[in-house]
Amino acid sequence: MLDIGEKISSLRKKHNLSQTDLAKQVGVSRTIIGNYERNSNSPSIEILSKIATTFNVSIDFLVGQGQLASYNKEVLKRINDIENLDEETRGKLFFLIDNVIQNFKTKQAFSK
């Protein structure tokens, strides 16, 4: 299977959880979490769903597939919210976003 283990380990550490803490939250043993992180075992879809919920990411993110796999649920929610804006408001938001990005890129270019 894909390198789910690395993502689980990374997310677990990012959220300051031990393997035992994560195991309790998803209803498996610490040994099983260790096996997932080493890619010795692959989680079932049920456990994968619980892990995704624990870290507020999509299953696609964990398995690294799908067009939006690199985005967490917070980013996806914002994209969905933007998609639901009226055209004029969305245009203004894109103008603002484009300016912030341009400013960031300019700062990066001059700091090198």
N, C-alpha and C. Protein backbone atom coordinates (compact mmCIF):
# COMPACT_ATOMS: atom_id res chain seq x y z
N MET A 1 0.84 -1.19 0.00
CA MET A 1 0.00 0.00 0.00
C MET A 1 0.88 1.24 0.00
N LEU A 2 0.27 2.38 -0.10
CA LEU A 2 0.98 3.64 -0.15
C LEU A 2 1.66 3.93 1.18
N ASP A 3 2.44 4.97 1.25
CA ASP A 3 3.17 5.29 2.47
C ASP A 3 2.29 6.05 3.46
N ILE A 4 1.24 5.40 3.88
CA ILE A 4 0.32 5.96 4.86
C ILE A 4 1.03 6.12 6.20
N GLY A 5 1.91 5.19 6.50
CA GLY A 5 2.61 5.19 7.78
C GLY A 5 3.34 6.48 8.07
N GLU A 6 4.02 7.00 7.08
CA GLU A 6 4.76 8.25 7.26
C GLU A 6 3.81 9.40 7.56
N LYS A 7 2.66 9.43 6.87
CA LYS A 7 1.70 10.50 7.12
C LYS A 7 1.08 10.38 8.50
N ILE A 8 0.76 9.16 8.90
CA ILE A 8 0.19 8.96 10.24
C ILE A 8 1.20 9.41 11.29
N SER A 9 2.43 8.99 11.15
CA SER A 9 3.48 9.35 12.11
C SER A 9 3.67 10.87 12.16
N SER A 10 3.73 11.48 11.01
CA SER A 10 3.93 12.93 10.93
C SER A 10 2.77 13.68 11.58
N LEU A 11 1.55 13.28 11.26
CA LEU A 11 0.38 13.94 11.85
C LEU A 11 0.32 13.72 13.36
N ARG A 12 0.65 12.51 13.78
CA ARG A 12 0.62 12.20 15.22
C ARG A 12 1.60 13.09 15.97
N LYS A 13 2.80 13.24 15.43
CA LYS A 13 3.81 14.08 16.08
C LYS A 13 3.42 15.55 16.04
N LYS A 14 2.84 15.98 14.92
CA LYS A 14 2.39 17.37 14.77
C LYS A 14 1.33 17.71 15.82
N HIS A 15 0.49 16.73 16.16
CA HIS A 15 -0.56 16.94 17.15
C HIS A 15 -0.12 16.54 18.57
N ASN A 16 1.16 16.28 18.73
CA ASN A 16 1.74 15.93 20.04
C ASN A 16 1.01 14.76 20.70
N LEU A 17 0.76 13.73 19.92
CA LEU A 17 0.13 12.51 20.44
C LEU A 17 1.15 11.38 20.46
N SER A 18 1.10 10.58 21.48
CA SER A 18 1.91 9.36 21.48
C SER A 18 1.17 8.31 20.67
N GLN A 19 1.85 7.22 20.37
CA GLN A 19 1.18 6.12 19.68
C GLN A 19 0.03 5.59 20.54
N THR A 20 0.23 5.56 21.84
CA THR A 20 -0.80 5.10 22.76
C THR A 20 -2.02 6.02 22.73
N ASP A 21 -1.77 7.34 22.71
CA ASP A 21 -2.87 8.30 22.65
C ASP A 21 -3.70 8.11 21.38
N LEU A 22 -3.01 7.99 20.25
CA LEU A 22 -3.71 7.80 18.98
C LEU A 22 -4.46 6.47 18.99
N ALA A 23 -3.83 5.45 19.51
CA ALA A 23 -4.45 4.12 19.57
C ALA A 23 -5.77 4.18 20.35
N LYS A 24 -5.77 4.88 21.48
CA LYS A 24 -7.00 5.01 22.28
C LYS A 24 -8.08 5.75 21.50
N GLN A 25 -7.69 6.78 20.77
CA GLN A 25 -8.68 7.58 20.04
C GLN A 25 -9.33 6.81 18.89
N VAL A 26 -8.57 5.90 18.27
CA VAL A 26 -9.14 5.18 17.12
C VAL A 26 -9.56 3.75 17.47
N GLY A 27 -9.29 3.32 18.72
CA GLY A 27 -9.77 2.02 19.17
C GLY A 27 -8.94 0.83 18.74
N VAL A 28 -7.63 1.02 18.68
CA VAL A 28 -6.72 -0.09 18.39
C VAL A 28 -5.59 -0.07 19.42
N SER A 29 -4.68 -1.03 19.35
CA SER A 29 -3.56 -1.06 20.29
C SER A 29 -2.41 -0.18 19.79
N ARG A 30 -1.53 0.15 20.73
CA ARG A 30 -0.34 0.94 20.38
C ARG A 30 0.52 0.18 19.37
N THR A 31 0.58 -1.14 19.53
CA THR A 31 1.36 -1.98 18.61
C THR A 31 0.84 -1.85 17.18
N ILE A 32 -0.47 -1.82 17.04
CA ILE A 32 -1.07 -1.68 15.70
C ILE A 32 -0.69 -0.33 15.09
N ILE A 33 -0.75 0.74 15.89
CA ILE A 33 -0.35 2.07 15.38
C ILE A 33 1.11 2.02 14.93
N GLY A 34 1.96 1.40 15.72
CA GLY A 34 3.37 1.25 15.34
C GLY A 34 3.51 0.50 14.03
N ASN A 35 2.72 -0.57 13.87
CA ASN A 35 2.75 -1.33 12.61
C ASN A 35 2.30 -0.49 11.43
N TYR A 36 1.26 0.34 11.63
CA TYR A 36 0.82 1.23 10.55
C TYR A 36 1.93 2.20 10.17
N GLU A 37 2.58 2.78 11.19
CA GLU A 37 3.63 3.77 10.94
C GLU A 37 4.85 3.17 10.24
N ARG A 38 5.10 1.90 10.48
CA ARG A 38 6.21 1.21 9.81
C ARG A 38 5.77 0.59 8.48
N ASN A 39 4.51 0.77 8.14
CA ASN A 39 3.92 0.18 6.94
C ASN A 39 3.98 -1.35 6.96
N SER A 40 4.01 -1.94 8.18
CA SER A 40 3.96 -3.39 8.31
C SER A 40 2.54 -3.90 8.11
N ASN A 41 1.57 -3.11 8.54
CA ASN A 41 0.15 -3.40 8.36
C ASN A 41 -0.51 -2.18 7.74
N SER A 42 -1.62 -2.41 7.07
CA SER A 42 -2.41 -1.31 6.52
C SER A 42 -3.72 -1.21 7.28
N PRO A 43 -4.12 0.00 7.64
CA PRO A 43 -5.38 0.14 8.37
C PRO A 43 -6.58 -0.18 7.50
N SER A 44 -7.63 -0.70 8.12
CA SER A 44 -8.88 -0.93 7.40
C SER A 44 -9.48 0.44 7.07
N ILE A 45 -10.45 0.46 6.20
CA ILE A 45 -11.09 1.73 5.84
C ILE A 45 -11.75 2.35 7.07
N GLU A 46 -12.28 1.52 7.96
CA GLU A 46 -12.91 2.04 9.19
C GLU A 46 -11.88 2.74 10.07
N ILE A 47 -10.73 2.12 10.27
CA ILE A 47 -9.68 2.72 11.10
C ILE A 47 -9.08 3.93 10.39
N LEU A 48 -8.90 3.82 9.08
CA LEU A 48 -8.39 4.95 8.30
C LEU A 48 -9.32 6.16 8.46
N SER A 49 -10.61 5.91 8.44
CA SER A 49 -11.59 6.98 8.62
C SER A 49 -11.47 7.61 10.01
N LYS A 50 -11.28 6.78 11.03
CA LYS A 50 -11.12 7.29 12.40
C LYS A 50 -9.84 8.11 12.53
N ILE A 51 -8.77 7.65 11.89
CA ILE A 51 -7.50 8.40 11.93
C ILE A 51 -7.68 9.74 11.22
N ALA A 52 -8.33 9.73 10.07
CA ALA A 52 -8.57 10.97 9.32
C ALA A 52 -9.39 11.94 10.16
N THR A 53 -10.41 11.44 10.83
CA THR A 53 -11.25 12.29 11.68
C THR A 53 -10.45 12.86 12.84
N THR A 54 -9.61 12.03 13.45
CA THR A 54 -8.78 12.48 14.56
C THR A 54 -7.90 13.66 14.17
N PHE A 55 -7.34 13.60 12.96
CA PHE A 55 -6.41 14.65 12.52
C PHE A 55 -7.06 15.70 11.63
N ASN A 56 -8.39 15.58 11.43
CA ASN A 56 -9.13 16.54 10.61
C ASN A 56 -8.56 16.65 9.19
N VAL A 57 -8.28 15.49 8.61
CA VAL A 57 -7.82 15.42 7.22
C VAL A 57 -8.72 14.45 6.47
N SER A 58 -8.62 14.43 5.17
CA SER A 58 -9.41 13.49 4.39
C SER A 58 -8.68 12.15 4.27
N ILE A 59 -9.43 11.12 3.97
CA ILE A 59 -8.80 9.82 3.71
C ILE A 59 -7.89 9.94 2.49
N ASP A 60 -8.32 10.71 1.48
CA ASP A 60 -7.47 10.95 0.31
C ASP A 60 -6.11 11.51 0.71
N PHE A 61 -6.12 12.42 1.69
CA PHE A 61 -4.87 12.99 2.17
C PHE A 61 -3.96 11.91 2.75
N LEU A 62 -4.54 11.02 3.55
CA LEU A 62 -3.75 9.96 4.17
C LEU A 62 -3.17 8.99 3.15
N VAL A 63 -3.95 8.64 2.14
CA VAL A 63 -3.47 7.67 1.16
C VAL A 63 -2.74 8.34 0.00
N GLY A 64 -2.78 9.68 -0.03
CA GLY A 64 -2.03 10.42 -1.04
C GLY A 64 -2.59 10.28 -2.44
N GLN A 65 -3.89 10.11 -2.54
CA GLN A 65 -4.51 9.98 -3.85
C GLN A 65 -5.59 11.02 -4.02
N GLY A 66 -5.97 11.25 -5.24
CA GLY A 66 -7.03 12.19 -5.52
C GLY A 66 -6.47 13.57 -5.80
N GLN A 67 -7.23 14.35 -6.50
CA GLN A 67 -6.79 15.67 -6.91
C GLN A 67 -6.51 16.59 -5.73
N LEU A 68 -7.26 16.45 -4.65
CA LEU A 68 -7.13 17.35 -3.51
C LEU A 68 -6.42 16.69 -2.32
N ALA A 69 -5.69 15.64 -2.59
CA ALA A 69 -5.08 14.86 -1.51
C ALA A 69 -4.10 15.65 -0.65
N SER A 70 -3.51 16.69 -1.20
CA SER A 70 -2.52 17.45 -0.42
C SER A 70 -3.16 18.49 0.49
N TYR A 71 -4.48 18.65 0.43
CA TYR A 71 -5.16 19.65 1.24
C TYR A 71 -5.82 19.02 2.45
N ASN A 72 -5.74 19.71 3.60
CA ASN A 72 -6.46 19.21 4.76
C ASN A 72 -7.90 19.72 4.71
N LYS A 73 -8.73 19.25 5.61
CA LYS A 73 -10.15 19.58 5.57
C LYS A 73 -10.41 21.07 5.74
N GLU A 74 -9.56 21.75 6.51
CA GLU A 74 -9.73 23.18 6.73
C GLU A 74 -9.58 23.94 5.41
N VAL A 75 -8.58 23.58 4.62
CA VAL A 75 -8.37 24.22 3.32
C VAL A 75 -9.51 23.87 2.38
N LEU A 76 -9.93 22.62 2.37
CA LEU A 76 -11.04 22.20 1.51
C LEU A 76 -12.33 22.93 1.86
N LYS A 77 -12.58 23.15 3.16
CA LYS A 77 -13.77 23.88 3.57
C LYS A 77 -13.72 25.30 3.04
N ARG A 78 -12.56 25.93 3.13
CA ARG A 78 -12.43 27.30 2.63
C ARG A 78 -12.62 27.35 1.12
N ILE A 79 -12.09 26.38 0.42
CA ILE A 79 -12.28 26.34 -1.04
C ILE A 79 -13.76 26.21 -1.35
N ASN A 80 -14.44 25.35 -0.62
CA ASN A 80 -15.88 25.18 -0.82
C ASN A 80 -16.64 26.47 -0.51
N ASP A 81 -16.27 27.15 0.57
CA ASP A 81 -16.91 28.41 0.92
C ASP A 81 -16.70 29.46 -0.17
N ILE A 82 -15.50 29.53 -0.71
CA ILE A 82 -15.21 30.48 -1.78
C ILE A 82 -16.05 30.14 -3.01
N GLU A 83 -16.16 28.87 -3.31
CA GLU A 83 -16.94 28.42 -4.46
C GLU A 83 -18.40 28.86 -4.35
N ASN A 84 -18.91 28.97 -3.12
CA ASN A 84 -20.31 29.33 -2.91
C ASN A 84 -20.56 30.83 -2.85
N LEU A 85 -19.51 31.64 -2.94
CA LEU A 85 -19.68 33.09 -2.94
C LEU A 85 -20.27 33.55 -4.28
N ASP A 86 -20.92 34.73 -4.25
CA ASP A 86 -21.39 35.29 -5.51
C ASP A 86 -20.17 35.74 -6.33
N GLU A 87 -20.37 35.90 -7.61
CA GLU A 87 -19.26 36.16 -8.54
C GLU A 87 -18.49 37.44 -8.18
N GLU A 88 -19.19 38.49 -7.81
CA GLU A 88 -18.53 39.76 -7.48
C GLU A 88 -17.66 39.63 -6.24
N THR A 89 -18.20 39.00 -5.20
CA THR A 89 -17.44 38.82 -3.96
C THR A 89 -16.23 37.91 -4.20
N ARG A 90 -16.44 36.84 -4.97
CA ARG A 90 -15.35 35.93 -5.28
C ARG A 90 -14.25 36.66 -6.05
N GLY A 91 -14.62 37.53 -6.98
CA GLY A 91 -13.64 38.31 -7.74
C GLY A 91 -12.81 39.21 -6.83
N LYS A 92 -13.48 39.86 -5.87
CA LYS A 92 -12.77 40.73 -4.91
C LYS A 92 -11.81 39.91 -4.05
N LEU A 93 -12.27 38.73 -3.62
CA LEU A 93 -11.42 37.87 -2.80
C LEU A 93 -10.20 37.41 -3.59
N PHE A 94 -10.39 37.01 -4.84
CA PHE A 94 -9.27 36.59 -5.68
C PHE A 94 -8.29 37.73 -5.89
N PHE A 95 -8.80 38.95 -6.06
CA PHE A 95 -7.93 40.12 -6.22
C PHE A 95 -7.06 40.28 -4.98
N LEU A 96 -7.68 40.17 -3.80
CA LEU A 96 -6.95 40.28 -2.54
C LEU A 96 -5.91 39.17 -2.40
N ILE A 97 -6.32 37.95 -2.66
CA ILE A 97 -5.41 36.80 -2.57
C ILE A 97 -4.23 36.97 -3.52
N ASP A 98 -4.51 37.38 -4.76
CA ASP A 98 -3.44 37.58 -5.75
C ASP A 98 -2.44 38.62 -5.28
N ASN A 99 -2.93 39.70 -4.65
CA ASN A 99 -2.03 40.74 -4.15
C ASN A 99 -1.19 40.26 -2.99
N VAL A 100 -1.77 39.49 -2.10
CA VAL A 100 -1.01 38.94 -0.96
C VAL A 100 0.07 37.99 -1.46
N ILE A 101 -0.28 37.15 -2.42
CA ILE A 101 0.70 36.21 -2.99
C ILE A 101 1.81 36.96 -3.71
N GLN A 102 1.46 37.97 -4.49
CA GLN A 102 2.46 38.78 -5.20
C GLN A 102 3.41 39.44 -4.21
N ASN A 103 2.86 39.99 -3.13
CA ASN A 103 3.67 40.63 -2.10
C ASN A 103 4.62 39.63 -1.45
N PHE A 104 4.13 38.44 -1.15
CA PHE A 104 4.95 37.39 -0.54
C PHE A 104 6.09 36.99 -1.47
N LYS A 105 5.77 36.79 -2.75
CA LYS A 105 6.80 36.40 -3.72
C LYS A 105 7.84 37.49 -3.89
N THR A 106 7.42 38.74 -3.87
CA THR A 106 8.36 39.86 -3.99
C THR A 106 9.30 39.90 -2.80
N LYS A 107 8.76 39.74 -1.60
CA LYS A 107 9.58 39.71 -0.39
C LYS A 107 10.59 38.58 -0.44
N GLN A 108 10.16 37.41 -0.92
CA GLN A 108 11.07 36.27 -1.02
C GLN A 108 12.18 36.56 -2.02
N ALA A 109 11.85 37.16 -3.13
CA ALA A 109 12.84 37.44 -4.17
C ALA A 109 13.90 38.42 -3.68
N PHE A 110 13.50 39.41 -2.90
CA PHE A 110 14.46 40.41 -2.44
C PHE A 110 15.21 39.98 -1.20
N SER A 111 14.77 38.93 -0.53
CA SER A 111 15.47 38.47 0.67
C SER A 111 16.60 37.50 0.33
N LYS A 112 16.70 37.10 -0.92
CA LYS A 112 17.72 36.13 -1.31
C LYS A 112 19.02 36.79 -1.64
